[in-house]
C-alpha cells in the first residue's frame, strides 16, 4: 500500500484473499504513513480521540477528527499522507477490502 516510507509503524494483523488488516502506530506528533494510494476500498477504526492531518498532492492539508472506535469508510484511489496531529501517541486499524463487492 505505501509507496514511500513514513515514520509510523505498520503491523499487518491479517492478510488473506479477502482482507488486509493493518494496525498503524504513530509514536509522536508528526509521525506519518508516507505518501500512498489505496488500491482497494478500506475502513479505518481509530484507537484514540484526537486528530489526524491528511496531506494532499497539491500541498494542502486537512484535519480529520477521530473518535475512538468510530469507523469510517474510504474508496480506493486517493493519494495522501496521514500525519499524527496530536501531542501523544496514537493508532488506528485499517481494513482493506481486497474483493470487489458482489454485483447487485
PDB file of N, CA and C in Angstrom:
ATOM      1  N   UNK A   1       0.809  -1.193   0.000  1.00  0.00           N
ATOM      2  CA  UNK A   1       0.000   0.000   0.000  1.00  0.00           C
ATOM      3  C   UNK A   1       0.853   1.257   0.000  1.00  0.00           C
ATOM      4  N   UNK A   2       1.899   1.326   0.816  1.00  0.00           N
ATOM      5  CA  UNK A   2       2.677   2.560   0.899  1.00  0.00           C
ATOM      6  C   UNK A   2       3.761   2.592  -0.160  1.00  0.00           C
ATOM      7  N   UNK A   3       3.843   3.718  -0.865  1.00  0.00           N
ATOM      8  CA  UNK A   3       4.870   3.915  -1.884  1.00  0.00           C
ATOM      9  C   UNK A   3       6.150   4.477  -1.268  1.00  0.00           C
ATOM     10  N   UNK A   4       6.030   5.297  -0.249  1.00  0.00           N
ATOM     11  CA  UNK A   4       7.189   5.903   0.394  1.00  0.00           C
ATOM     12  C   UNK A   4       7.157   5.573   1.877  1.00  0.00           C
ATOM     13  N   UNK A   5       8.326   5.395   2.448  1.00  0.00           N
ATOM     14  CA  UNK A   5       8.396   5.050   3.863  1.00  0.00           C
ATOM     15  C   UNK A   5       8.097   6.263   4.724  1.00  0.00           C
ATOM     16  N   UNK A   6       7.257   6.064   5.703  1.00  0.00           N
ATOM     17  CA  UNK A   6       6.969   7.091   6.686  1.00  0.00           C
ATOM     18  C   UNK A   6       7.540   6.655   8.024  1.00  0.00           C
ATOM     19  N   UNK A   7       7.307   7.448   9.059  1.00  0.00           N
ATOM     20  CA  UNK A   7       7.825   7.126  10.384  1.00  0.00           C
ATOM     21  C   UNK A   7       6.829   6.355  11.248  1.00  0.00           C
ATOM     22  N   UNK A   8       5.557   6.287  10.832  1.00  0.00           N
ATOM     23  CA  UNK A   8       4.578   5.467  11.552  1.00  0.00           C
ATOM     24  C   UNK A   8       4.906   3.991  11.319  1.00  0.00           C
ATOM     25  N   UNK A   9       4.521   3.142  12.259  1.00  0.00           N
ATOM     26  CA  UNK A   9       4.858   1.724  12.194  1.00  0.00           C
ATOM     27  C   UNK A   9       3.625   0.886  11.853  1.00  0.00           C
ATOM     28  N   UNK A  10       3.630   0.241  10.679  1.00  0.00           N
ATOM     29  CA  UNK A  10       2.529  -0.661  10.337  1.00  0.00           C
ATOM     30  C   UNK A  10       2.800  -2.073  10.830  1.00  0.00           C
ATOM     31  N   UNK A  11       1.754  -2.747  11.241  1.00  0.00           N
ATOM     32  CA  UNK A  11       1.835  -4.154  11.624  1.00  0.00           C
ATOM     33  C   UNK A  11       0.641  -4.866  10.984  1.00  0.00           C
ATOM     34  N   UNK A  12       0.924  -5.720  10.019  1.00  0.00           N
ATOM     35  CA  UNK A  12      -0.156  -6.442   9.342  1.00  0.00           C
ATOM     36  C   UNK A  12      -0.649  -7.550  10.261  1.00  0.00           C
ATOM     37  N   UNK A  13      -1.936  -7.501  10.588  1.00  0.00           N
ATOM     38  CA  UNK A  13      -2.558  -8.459  11.504  1.00  0.00           C
ATOM     39  C   UNK A  13      -3.235  -9.606  10.766  1.00  0.00           C
ATOM     40  N   UNK A  14      -3.832  -9.311   9.608  1.00  0.00           N
ATOM     41  CA  UNK A  14      -4.486 -10.326   8.768  1.00  0.00           C
ATOM     42  C   UNK A  14      -4.186  -9.965   7.322  1.00  0.00           C
ATOM     43  N   UNK A  15      -3.833 -10.961   6.524  1.00  0.00           N
ATOM     44  CA  UNK A  15      -3.608 -10.731   5.095  1.00  0.00           C
ATOM     45  C   UNK A  15      -3.993 -12.009   4.373  1.00  0.00           C
ATOM     46  N   UNK A  16      -5.182 -12.004   3.778  1.00  0.00           N
ATOM     47  CA  UNK A  16      -5.648 -13.174   3.045  1.00  0.00           C
ATOM     48  C   UNK A  16      -6.285 -12.719   1.738  1.00  0.00           C
ATOM     49  N   UNK A  17      -6.988 -13.582   1.075  1.00  0.00           N
ATOM     50  CA  UNK A  17      -7.553 -13.232  -0.233  1.00  0.00           C
ATOM     51  C   UNK A  17      -8.720 -12.245  -0.133  1.00  0.00           C
ATOM     52  N   UNK A  18      -9.284 -12.044   1.047  1.00  0.00           N
ATOM     53  CA  UNK A  18     -10.461 -11.176   1.194  1.00  0.00           C
ATOM     54  C   UNK A  18     -10.165  -9.829   1.832  1.00  0.00           C
ATOM     55  N   UNK A  19      -9.279  -9.808   2.847  1.00  0.00           N
ATOM     56  CA  UNK A  19      -8.990  -8.557   3.555  1.00  0.00           C
ATOM     57  C   UNK A  19      -7.518  -8.480   3.946  1.00  0.00           C
ATOM     58  N   UNK A  20      -7.059  -7.236   4.113  1.00  0.00           N
ATOM     59  CA  UNK A  20      -5.752  -6.984   4.722  1.00  0.00           C
ATOM     60  C   UNK A  20      -6.006  -6.027   5.876  1.00  0.00           C
ATOM     61  N   UNK A  21      -5.658  -6.438   7.088  1.00  0.00           N
ATOM     62  CA  UNK A  21      -5.870  -5.620   8.276  1.00  0.00           C
ATOM     63  C   UNK A  21      -4.503  -5.186   8.795  1.00  0.00           C
ATOM     64  N   UNK A  22      -4.316  -3.868   8.865  1.00  0.00           N
ATOM     65  CA  UNK A  22      -3.037  -3.306   9.311  1.00  0.00           C
ATOM     66  C   UNK A  22      -3.283  -2.379  10.497  1.00  0.00           C
ATOM     67  N   UNK A  23      -2.506  -2.566  11.542  1.00  0.00           N
ATOM     68  CA  UNK A  23      -2.528  -1.642  12.675  1.00  0.00           C
ATOM     69  C   UNK A  23      -1.400  -0.633  12.444  1.00  0.00           C
ATOM     70  N   UNK A  24      -1.745   0.640  12.453  1.00  0.00           N
ATOM     71  CA  UNK A  24      -0.777   1.718  12.270  1.00  0.00           C
ATOM     72  C   UNK A  24      -0.548   2.404  13.607  1.00  0.00           C
ATOM     73  N   UNK A  25       0.717   2.539  14.028  1.00  0.00           N
ATOM     74  CA  UNK A  25       1.080   3.199  15.286  1.00  0.00           C
ATOM     75  C   UNK A  25       1.958   4.412  15.013  1.00  0.00           C
ATOM     76  N   UNK A  26       1.569   5.528  15.620  1.00  0.00           N
ATOM     77  CA  UNK A  26       2.272   6.796  15.498  1.00  0.00           C
ATOM     78  C   UNK A  26       2.801   7.153  16.889  1.00  0.00           C
ATOM     79  N   UNK A  27       4.096   7.157  17.086  1.00  0.00           N
ATOM     80  CA  UNK A  27       4.682   7.358  18.415  1.00  0.00           C
ATOM     81  C   UNK A  27       4.605   8.808  18.888  1.00  0.00           C
ATOM     82  N   UNK A  28       4.658   9.752  17.935  1.00  0.00           N
ATOM     83  CA  UNK A  28       4.706  11.162  18.328  1.00  0.00           C
ATOM     84  C   UNK A  28       4.091  12.039  17.245  1.00  0.00           C
ATOM     85  N   UNK A  29       3.846  13.306  17.589  1.00  0.00           N
ATOM     86  CA  UNK A  29       3.333  14.284  16.621  1.00  0.00           C
ATOM     87  C   UNK A  29       4.267  14.315  15.413  1.00  0.00           C
ATOM     88  N   UNK A  30       3.669  14.350  14.238  1.00  0.00           N
ATOM     89  CA  UNK A  30       4.448  14.425  13.010  1.00  0.00           C
ATOM     90  C   UNK A  30       4.768  13.088  12.375  1.00  0.00           C
ATOM     91  N   UNK A  31       4.652  11.992  13.135  1.00  0.00           N
ATOM     92  CA  UNK A  31       4.860  10.678  12.513  1.00  0.00           C
ATOM     93  C   UNK A  31       3.851  10.515  11.389  1.00  0.00           C
ATOM     94  N   UNK A  32       4.257   9.854  10.315  1.00  0.00           N
ATOM     95  CA  UNK A  32       3.382   9.758   9.146  1.00  0.00           C
ATOM     96  C   UNK A  32       3.474   8.388   8.481  1.00  0.00           C
ATOM     97  N   UNK A  33       2.454   8.090   7.673  1.00  0.00           N
ATOM     98  CA  UNK A  33       2.413   6.805   6.954  1.00  0.00           C
ATOM     99  C   UNK A  33       3.323   6.803   5.741  1.00  0.00           C
ATOM    100  N   UNK A  34       3.600   7.962   5.184  1.00  0.00           N
ATOM    101  CA  UNK A  34       4.277   8.067   3.895  1.00  0.00           C
ATOM    102  C   UNK A  34       3.224   8.196   2.809  1.00  0.00           C
ATOM    103  N   UNK A  35       3.596   8.812   1.703  1.00  0.00           N
ATOM    104  CA  UNK A  35       2.659   9.013   0.598  1.00  0.00           C
ATOM    105  C   UNK A  35       2.239   7.674   0.038  1.00  0.00           C
ATOM    106  N   UNK A  36       0.942   7.519  -0.184  1.00  0.00           N
ATOM    107  CA  UNK A  36       0.428   6.266  -0.729  1.00  0.00           C
ATOM    108  C   UNK A  36      -0.932   6.481  -1.384  1.00  0.00           C
ATOM    109  N   UNK A  37      -1.314   5.494  -2.162  1.00  0.00           N
ATOM    110  CA  UNK A  37      -2.621   5.471  -2.827  1.00  0.00           C
ATOM    111  C   UNK A  37      -3.191   4.074  -2.591  1.00  0.00           C
ATOM    112  N   UNK A  38      -4.382   4.000  -2.027  1.00  0.00           N
ATOM    113  CA  UNK A  38      -5.016   2.706  -1.771  1.00  0.00           C
ATOM    114  C   UNK A  38      -5.507   2.078  -3.069  1.00  0.00           C
ATOM    115  N   UNK A  39      -5.207   0.824  -3.246  1.00  0.00           N
ATOM    116  CA  UNK A  39      -5.676   0.070  -4.412  1.00  0.00           C
ATOM    117  C   UNK A  39      -7.080  -0.475  -4.196  1.00  0.00           C
ATOM    118  N   UNK A  40      -7.518  -0.502  -2.939  1.00  0.00           N
ATOM    119  CA  UNK A  40      -8.799  -1.100  -2.568  1.00  0.00           C
ATOM    120  C   UNK A  40      -9.565  -0.154  -1.650  1.00  0.00           C
ATOM    121  N   UNK A  41     -10.896  -0.282  -1.635  1.00  0.00           N
ATOM    122  CA  UNK A  41     -11.697   0.419  -0.636  1.00  0.00           C
ATOM    123  C   UNK A  41     -11.237  -0.049   0.740  1.00  0.00           C
ATOM    124  N   UNK A  42     -11.446   0.811   1.748  1.00  0.00           N
ATOM    125  CA  UNK A  42     -10.956   0.448   3.084  1.00  0.00           C
ATOM    126  C   UNK A  42     -11.783   1.105   4.181  1.00  0.00           C
ATOM    127  N   UNK A  43     -11.662   0.531   5.376  1.00  0.00           N
ATOM    128  CA  UNK A  43     -12.327   1.022   6.581  1.00  0.00           C
ATOM    129  C   UNK A  43     -11.244   1.261   7.626  1.00  0.00           C
ATOM    130  N   UNK A  44     -11.331   2.396   8.316  1.00  0.00           N
ATOM    131  CA  UNK A  44     -10.390   2.723   9.383  1.00  0.00           C
ATOM    132  C   UNK A  44     -11.154   2.822  10.698  1.00  0.00           C
ATOM    133  N   UNK A  45     -10.581   2.218  11.750  1.00  0.00           N
ATOM    134  CA  UNK A  45     -11.135   2.317  13.102  1.00  0.00           C
ATOM    135  C   UNK A  45     -10.068   2.962  13.989  1.00  0.00           C
ATOM    136  N   UNK A  46     -10.272   4.214  14.399  1.00  0.00           N
ATOM    137  CA  UNK A  46      -9.312   4.887  15.280  1.00  0.00           C
ATOM    138  C   UNK A  46      -9.303   4.241  16.668  1.00  0.00           C
ATOM    139  N   UNK A  47      -8.123   4.207  17.277  1.00  0.00           N
ATOM    140  CA  UNK A  47      -7.969   3.677  18.634  1.00  0.00           C
ATOM    141  C   UNK A  47      -7.656   4.819  19.603  1.00  0.00           C
ATOM    142  N   UNK A  48      -8.168   6.008  19.295  1.00  0.00           N
ATOM    143  CA  UNK A  48      -7.895   7.197  20.100  1.00  0.00           C
ATOM    144  C   UNK A  48      -8.923   8.282  19.764  1.00  0.00           C
ATOM    145  N   UNK A  49      -8.999   9.270  20.615  1.00  0.00           N
ATOM    146  CA  UNK A  49      -9.734  10.502  20.336  1.00  0.00           C
ATOM    147  C   UNK A  49      -8.696  11.572  20.019  1.00  0.00           C
ATOM    148  N   UNK A  50      -8.831  12.221  18.886  1.00  0.00           N
ATOM    149  CA  UNK A  50      -7.868  13.255  18.520  1.00  0.00           C
ATOM    150  C   UNK A  50      -7.991  13.595  17.054  1.00  0.00           C
ATOM    151  N   UNK A  51      -6.863  14.007  16.451  1.00  0.00           N
ATOM    152  CA  UNK A  51      -6.884  14.415  15.050  1.00  0.00           C
ATOM    153  C   UNK A  51      -5.750  13.759  14.266  1.00  0.00           C
ATOM    154  N   UNK A  52      -6.022  13.543  13.007  1.00  0.00           N
ATOM    155  CA  UNK A  52      -5.001  13.187  12.033  1.00  0.00           C
ATOM    156  C   UNK A  52      -4.980  14.285  10.996  1.00  0.00           C
ATOM    157  N   UNK A  53      -3.814  14.616  10.511  1.00  0.00           N
ATOM    158  CA  UNK A  53      -3.685  15.564   9.413  1.00  0.00           C
ATOM    159  C   UNK A  53      -3.523  14.754   8.135  1.00  0.00           C
ATOM    160  N   UNK A  54      -4.236  15.144   7.105  1.00  0.00           N
ATOM    161  CA  UNK A  54      -4.162  14.462   5.820  1.00  0.00           C
ATOM    162  C   UNK A  54      -3.503  15.421   4.838  1.00  0.00           C
ATOM    163  N   UNK A  55      -2.332  15.033   4.321  1.00  0.00           N
ATOM    164  CA  UNK A  55      -1.627  15.833   3.323  1.00  0.00           C
ATOM    165  C   UNK A  55      -2.082  15.392   1.942  1.00  0.00           C
ATOM    166  N   UNK A  56      -2.308  16.374   1.062  1.00  0.00           N
ATOM    167  CA  UNK A  56      -2.795  16.125  -0.295  1.00  0.00           C
ATOM    168  C   UNK A  56      -1.713  16.491  -1.310  1.00  0.00           C
ATOM    169  N   UNK A  57      -1.766  15.910  -2.508  1.00  0.00           N
ATOM    170  CA  UNK A  57      -0.735  16.159  -3.522  1.00  0.00           C
ATOM    171  C   UNK A  57      -0.544  17.624  -3.903  1.00  0.00           C
ATOM    172  N   UNK A  58      -1.579  18.449  -3.734  1.00  0.00           N
ATOM    173  CA  UNK A  58      -1.450  19.869  -4.086  1.00  0.00           C
ATOM    174  C   UNK A  58      -0.751  20.685  -2.995  1.00  0.00           C
ATOM    175  N   UNK A  59      -0.307  20.002  -1.917  1.00  0.00           N
ATOM    176  CA  UNK A  59       0.391  20.680  -0.831  1.00  0.00           C
ATOM    177  C   UNK A  59      -0.504  21.094   0.321  1.00  0.00           C
ATOM    178  N   UNK A  60      -1.810  20.978   0.157  1.00  0.00           N
ATOM    179  CA  UNK A  60      -2.735  21.358   1.225  1.00  0.00           C
ATOM    180  C   UNK A  60      -2.835  20.237   2.256  1.00  0.00           C
ATOM    181  N   UNK A  61      -3.346  20.599   3.421  1.00  0.00           N
ATOM    182  CA  UNK A  61      -3.607  19.625   4.496  1.00  0.00           C
ATOM    183  C   UNK A  61      -4.989  19.867   5.057  1.00  0.00           C
ATOM    184  N   UNK A  62      -5.648  18.773   5.423  1.00  0.00           N
ATOM    185  CA  UNK A  62      -6.920  18.882   6.130  1.00  0.00           C
ATOM    186  C   UNK A  62      -6.783  18.141   7.450  1.00  0.00           C
ATOM    187  N   UNK A  63      -7.615  18.530   8.399  1.00  0.00           N
ATOM    188  CA  UNK A  63      -7.622  17.895   9.706  1.00  0.00           C
ATOM    189  C   UNK A  63      -8.825  16.976   9.801  1.00  0.00           C
ATOM    190  N   UNK A  64      -8.591  15.741  10.194  1.00  0.00           N
ATOM    191  CA  UNK A  64      -9.671  14.766  10.357  1.00  0.00           C
ATOM    192  C   UNK A  64      -9.806  14.442  11.839  1.00  0.00           C
ATOM    193  N   UNK A  65     -10.982  14.703  12.397  1.00  0.00           N
ATOM    194  CA  UNK A  65     -11.244  14.429  13.811  1.00  0.00           C
ATOM    195  C   UNK A  65     -11.574  12.948  13.966  1.00  0.00           C
ATOM    196  N   UNK A  66     -10.862  12.290  14.874  1.00  0.00           N
ATOM    197  CA  UNK A  66     -11.039  10.861  15.134  1.00  0.00           C
ATOM    198  C   UNK A  66     -11.727  10.660  16.480  1.00  0.00           C
ATOM    199  N   UNK A  67     -12.614   9.685  16.513  1.00  0.00           N
ATOM    200  CA  UNK A  67     -13.262   9.282  17.769  1.00  0.00           C
ATOM    201  C   UNK A  67     -12.989   7.793  17.961  1.00  0.00           C
ATOM    202  N   UNK A  68     -12.484   7.467  19.138  1.00  0.00           N
ATOM    203  CA  UNK A  68     -12.108   6.092  19.448  1.00  0.00           C
ATOM    204  C   UNK A  68     -13.244   5.114  19.126  1.00  0.00           C
ATOM    205  N   UNK A  69     -12.938   4.152  18.260  1.00  0.00           N
ATOM    206  CA  UNK A  69     -13.896   3.105  17.927  1.00  0.00           C
ATOM    207  C   UNK A  69     -14.919   3.459  16.873  1.00  0.00           C
ATOM    208  N   UNK A  70     -14.933   4.704  16.388  1.00  0.00           N
ATOM    209  CA  UNK A  70     -15.910   5.119  15.386  1.00  0.00           C
ATOM    210  C   UNK A  70     -15.275   4.973  13.997  1.00  0.00           C
ATOM    211  N   UNK A  71     -15.715   3.978  13.225  1.00  0.00           N
ATOM    212  CA  UNK A  71     -15.086   3.702  11.931  1.00  0.00           C
ATOM    213  C   UNK A  71     -15.512   4.678  10.851  1.00  0.00           C
ATOM    214  N   UNK A  72     -14.670   4.761   9.821  1.00  0.00           N
ATOM    215  CA  UNK A  72     -15.054   5.489   8.615  1.00  0.00           C
ATOM    216  C   UNK A  72     -14.586   4.709   7.390  1.00  0.00           C
ATOM    217  N   UNK A  73     -15.259   4.924   6.269  1.00  0.00           N
ATOM    218  CA  UNK A  73     -15.020   4.211   5.018  1.00  0.00           C
ATOM    219  C   UNK A  73     -14.453   5.180   3.980  1.00  0.00           C
ATOM    220  N   UNK A  74     -13.491   4.707   3.181  1.00  0.00           N
ATOM    221  CA  UNK A  74     -12.963   5.496   2.072  1.00  0.00           C
ATOM    222  C   UNK A  74     -12.835   4.598   0.844  1.00  0.00           C
ATOM    223  N   UNK A  75     -13.017   5.199  -0.317  1.00  0.00           N
ATOM    224  CA  UNK A  75     -12.845   4.460  -1.562  1.00  0.00           C
ATOM    225  C   UNK A  75     -11.394   4.519  -2.013  1.00  0.00           C
ATOM    226  N   UNK A  76     -11.016   3.537  -2.801  1.00  0.00           N
ATOM    227  CA  UNK A  76      -9.659   3.445  -3.338  1.00  0.00           C
ATOM    228  C   UNK A  76      -9.342   4.636  -4.231  1.00  0.00           C
ATOM    229  N   UNK A  77      -8.046   4.892  -4.379  1.00  0.00           N
ATOM    230  CA  UNK A  77      -7.603   5.805  -5.418  1.00  0.00           C
ATOM    231  C   UNK A  77      -7.077   7.152  -5.015  1.00  0.00           C
ATOM    232  N   UNK A  78      -7.344   7.627  -3.816  1.00  0.00           N
ATOM    233  CA  UNK A  78      -6.908   8.967  -3.427  1.00  0.00           C
ATOM    234  C   UNK A  78      -5.486   8.908  -2.862  1.00  0.00           C
ATOM    235  N   UNK A  79      -4.587   9.704  -3.434  1.00  0.00           N
ATOM    236  CA  UNK A  79      -3.209   9.770  -2.934  1.00  0.00           C
ATOM    237  C   UNK A  79      -3.171  10.697  -1.718  1.00  0.00           C
ATOM    238  N   UNK A  80      -2.460  10.274  -0.663  1.00  0.00           N
ATOM    239  CA  UNK A  80      -2.383  11.083   0.549  1.00  0.00           C
ATOM    240  C   UNK A  80      -1.267  10.591   1.466  1.00  0.00           C
ATOM    241  N   UNK A  81      -0.995  11.382   2.498  1.00  0.00           N
ATOM    242  CA  UNK A  81      -0.082  11.015   3.583  1.00  0.00           C
ATOM    243  C   UNK A  81      -0.832  11.325   4.867  1.00  0.00           C
ATOM    244  N   UNK A  82      -0.822  10.393   5.810  1.00  0.00           N
ATOM    245  CA  UNK A  82      -1.536  10.555   7.076  1.00  0.00           C
ATOM    246  C   UNK A  82      -0.506  10.882   8.159  1.00  0.00           C
ATOM    247  N   UNK A  83      -0.764  11.964   8.918  1.00  0.00           N
ATOM    248  CA  UNK A  83       0.194  12.507   9.881  1.00  0.00           C
ATOM    249  C   UNK A  83      -0.467  12.633  11.253  1.00  0.00           C
ATOM    250  N   UNK A  84       0.252  12.236  12.303  1.00  0.00           N
ATOM    251  CA  UNK A  84      -0.251  12.393  13.668  1.00  0.00           C
ATOM    252  C   UNK A  84      -0.244  13.877  14.014  1.00  0.00           C
ATOM    253  N   UNK A  85      -1.424  14.430  14.273  1.00  0.00           N
ATOM    254  CA  UNK A  85      -1.561  15.834  14.635  1.00  0.00           C
ATOM    255  C   UNK A  85      -1.737  16.045  16.124  1.00  0.00           C
ATOM    256  N   UNK A  86      -1.392  15.043  16.927  1.00  0.00           N
ATOM    257  CA  UNK A  86      -1.598  15.098  18.373  1.00  0.00           C
ATOM    258  C   UNK A  86      -0.261  15.174  19.103  1.00  0.00           C
ATOM    259  N   UNK A  87      -0.306  15.631  20.347  1.00  0.00           N
ATOM    260  CA  UNK A  87       0.887  15.648  21.198  1.00  0.00           C
ATOM    261  C   UNK A  87       0.988  14.363  22.004  1.00  0.00           C
ATOM    262  N   UNK A  88       0.467  13.272  21.446  1.00  0.00           N
ATOM    263  CA  UNK A  88       0.523  11.970  22.107  1.00  0.00           C
ATOM    264  C   UNK A  88       0.549  10.884  21.036  1.00  0.00           C
ATOM    265  N   UNK A  89       0.961   9.701  21.449  1.00  0.00           N
ATOM    266  CA  UNK A  89       0.966   8.549  20.541  1.00  0.00           C
ATOM    267  C   UNK A  89      -0.469   8.185  20.189  1.00  0.00           C
ATOM    268  N   UNK A  90      -0.663   7.667  18.977  1.00  0.00           N
ATOM    269  CA  UNK A  90      -1.996   7.250  18.569  1.00  0.00           C
ATOM    270  C   UNK A  90      -1.881   6.088  17.595  1.00  0.00           C
ATOM    271  N   UNK A  91      -3.020   5.463  17.310  1.00  0.00           N
ATOM    272  CA  UNK A  91      -3.030   4.305  16.416  1.00  0.00           C
ATOM    273  C   UNK A  91      -4.406   4.148  15.795  1.00  0.00           C
ATOM    274  N   UNK A  92      -4.439   3.439  14.661  1.00  0.00           N
ATOM    275  CA  UNK A  92      -5.715   3.037  14.077  1.00  0.00           C
ATOM    276  C   UNK A  92      -5.545   1.700  13.391  1.00  0.00           C
ATOM    277  N   UNK A  93      -6.673   1.038  13.168  1.00  0.00           N
ATOM    278  CA  UNK A  93      -6.699  -0.228  12.443  1.00  0.00           C
ATOM    279  C   UNK A  93      -7.362   0.031  11.097  1.00  0.00           C
ATOM    280  N   UNK A  94      -6.671  -0.370  10.043  1.00  0.00           N
ATOM    281  CA  UNK A  94      -7.154  -0.168   8.672  1.00  0.00           C
ATOM    282  C   UNK A  94      -7.446  -1.535   8.057  1.00  0.00           C
ATOM    283  N   UNK A  95      -8.652  -1.692   7.505  1.00  0.00           N
ATOM    284  CA  UNK A  95      -9.035  -2.937   6.843  1.00  0.00           C
ATOM    285  C   UNK A  95      -9.288  -2.645   5.371  1.00  0.00           C
ATOM    286  N   UNK A  96      -8.440  -3.202   4.519  1.00  0.00           N
ATOM    287  CA  UNK A  96      -8.594  -3.057   3.072  1.00  0.00           C
ATOM    288  C   UNK A  96      -9.451  -4.209   2.563  1.00  0.00           C
ATOM    289  N   UNK A  97     -10.434  -3.894   1.735  1.00  0.00           N
ATOM    290  CA  UNK A  97     -11.366  -4.878   1.197  1.00  0.00           C
ATOM    291  C   UNK A  97     -10.831  -5.361  -0.154  1.00  0.00           C
ATOM    292  N   UNK A  98     -10.182  -6.506  -0.166  1.00  0.00           N
ATOM    293  CA  UNK A  98      -9.449  -6.980  -1.339  1.00  0.00           C
ATOM    294  C   UNK A  98     -10.333  -7.585  -2.423  1.00  0.00           C
ATOM    295  N   UNK A  99     -11.567  -7.879  -2.092  1.00  0.00           N
ATOM    296  CA  UNK A  99     -12.515  -8.441  -3.074  1.00  0.00           C
ATOM    297  C   UNK A  99     -13.470  -7.355  -3.532  1.00  0.00           C
ATOM    298  N   UNK A 100     -13.867  -7.404  -4.778  1.00  0.00           N
ATOM    299  CA  UNK A 100     -14.908  -6.498  -5.264  1.00  0.00           C
ATOM    300  C   UNK A 100     -16.234  -6.842  -4.594  1.00  0.00           C
ATOM    301  N   UNK A 101     -17.047  -5.829  -4.403  1.00  0.00           N
ATOM    302  CA  UNK A 101     -18.383  -6.065  -3.867  1.00  0.00           C
ATOM    303  C   UNK A 101     -19.189  -6.888  -4.872  1.00  0.00           C
ATOM    304  N   UNK A 102     -20.055  -7.780  -4.381  1.00  0.00           N
ATOM    305  CA  UNK A 102     -20.878  -8.566  -5.304  1.00  0.00           C
ATOM    306  C   UNK A 102     -21.817  -7.669  -6.117  1.00  0.00           C
ATOM    307  N   UNK A 103     -22.069  -8.057  -7.333  1.00  0.00           N
ATOM    308  CA  UNK A 103     -22.990  -7.291  -8.185  1.00  0.00           C
ATOM    309  C   UNK A 103     -24.380  -7.335  -7.591  1.00  0.00           C
ATOM    310  N   UNK A 104     -25.077  -6.193  -7.671  1.00  0.00           N
ATOM    311  CA  UNK A 104     -26.427  -6.165  -7.102  1.00  0.00           C
ATOM    312  C   UNK A 104     -27.478  -6.280  -8.185  1.00  0.00           C
TER     313      UNK A 104
END
